[in-house]
Amino acid sequence: MIAWYSEQIMEQRRAAEPDQVLLEELLEARRGCLEDQRALGEATAEEVAGTLAAYAARYRDLTSP
């Protein structure tokens, strides 16, 4: 997800007329991913599984037509 958000952020920054609202949303979402990633170091197996499932669902939602 971090890579996906980073790609979307780069696309917005390179756009002739970037959508500033979308850009801020993407930046915030990527920050959240980074925070979740850091938290995984101390997470239980159940918490890791829950995080994985949540991010898999989010990725499907964001990338499905």
Protein backbone atom coordinates (compact mmCIF):
# COMPACT_ATOMS: atom_id res chain seq x y z
CA MET A 1 0.00 0.00 0.00
CA ILE A 2 2.83 2.38 0.77
CA ALA A 3 4.18 1.89 -2.75
CA TRP A 4 0.70 2.36 -4.26
CA TYR A 5 0.14 5.59 -2.34
CA SER A 6 3.63 6.82 -3.24
CA GLU A 7 2.93 6.19 -6.92
CA GLN A 8 -0.36 8.08 -6.74
CA ILE A 9 1.31 10.97 -4.91
CA MET A 10 4.00 11.20 -7.60
CA GLU A 11 1.34 11.22 -10.31
CA GLN A 12 -0.47 14.09 -8.61
CA ARG A 13 2.73 16.05 -8.11
CA ARG A 14 3.66 15.61 -11.78
CA ALA A 15 0.21 16.55 -13.08
CA ALA A 16 -0.17 19.85 -14.89
CA GLU A 17 -2.96 20.73 -12.45
CA PRO A 18 -2.69 18.50 -9.38
CA ASP A 19 -5.77 17.92 -7.26
CA GLN A 20 -4.58 19.38 -3.95
CA VAL A 21 -7.38 17.80 -1.93
CA LEU A 22 -6.63 14.36 -3.36
CA LEU A 23 -2.92 14.90 -2.83
CA GLU A 24 -3.45 15.69 0.85
CA GLU A 25 -5.68 12.62 1.22
CA LEU A 26 -3.02 10.43 -0.38
CA LEU A 27 -0.29 11.87 1.82
CA GLU A 28 -2.37 11.30 4.95
CA ALA A 29 -3.20 7.74 3.93
CA ARG A 30 0.47 6.98 3.29
CA ARG A 31 1.37 8.41 6.72
CA GLY A 32 -1.21 6.09 8.25
CA CYS A 33 0.32 3.13 6.44
CA LEU A 34 3.76 4.03 7.72
CA GLU A 35 2.43 4.28 11.27
CA ASP A 36 0.73 0.90 10.93
CA GLN A 37 3.94 -0.58 9.56
CA ARG A 38 5.91 0.67 12.56
CA ALA A 39 3.28 -0.73 14.93
CA LEU A 40 3.60 -4.20 13.42
CA GLY A 41 6.93 -4.63 15.20
CA GLU A 42 5.10 -4.98 18.50
CA ALA A 43 1.86 -6.50 17.21
CA THR A 44 0.50 -9.91 18.09
CA ALA A 45 -0.09 -12.50 15.38
CA GLU A 46 -3.80 -11.67 15.49
CA GLU A 47 -3.14 -7.97 15.06
CA VAL A 48 -0.79 -8.63 12.14
CA ALA A 49 -3.40 -10.84 10.48
CA GLY A 50 -6.07 -8.17 10.99
CA THR A 51 -3.86 -5.47 9.56
CA LEU A 52 -2.99 -7.65 6.57
CA ALA A 53 -6.66 -8.36 5.89
CA ALA A 54 -7.59 -4.69 6.19
CA TYR A 55 -4.87 -3.60 3.79
CA ALA A 56 -5.72 -6.36 1.31
CA ALA A 57 -9.34 -5.18 1.30
CA ARG A 58 -8.28 -1.55 0.94
CA TYR A 59 -6.02 -2.41 -1.99
CA ARG A 60 -8.83 -4.31 -3.72
CA ASP A 61 -11.19 -1.37 -3.21
CA LEU A 62 -8.69 1.14 -4.57
CA THR A 63 -7.59 -0.88 -7.59
CA SER A 64 -10.78 -2.61 -8.74
CA PRO A 65 -12.59 -1.03 -11.67
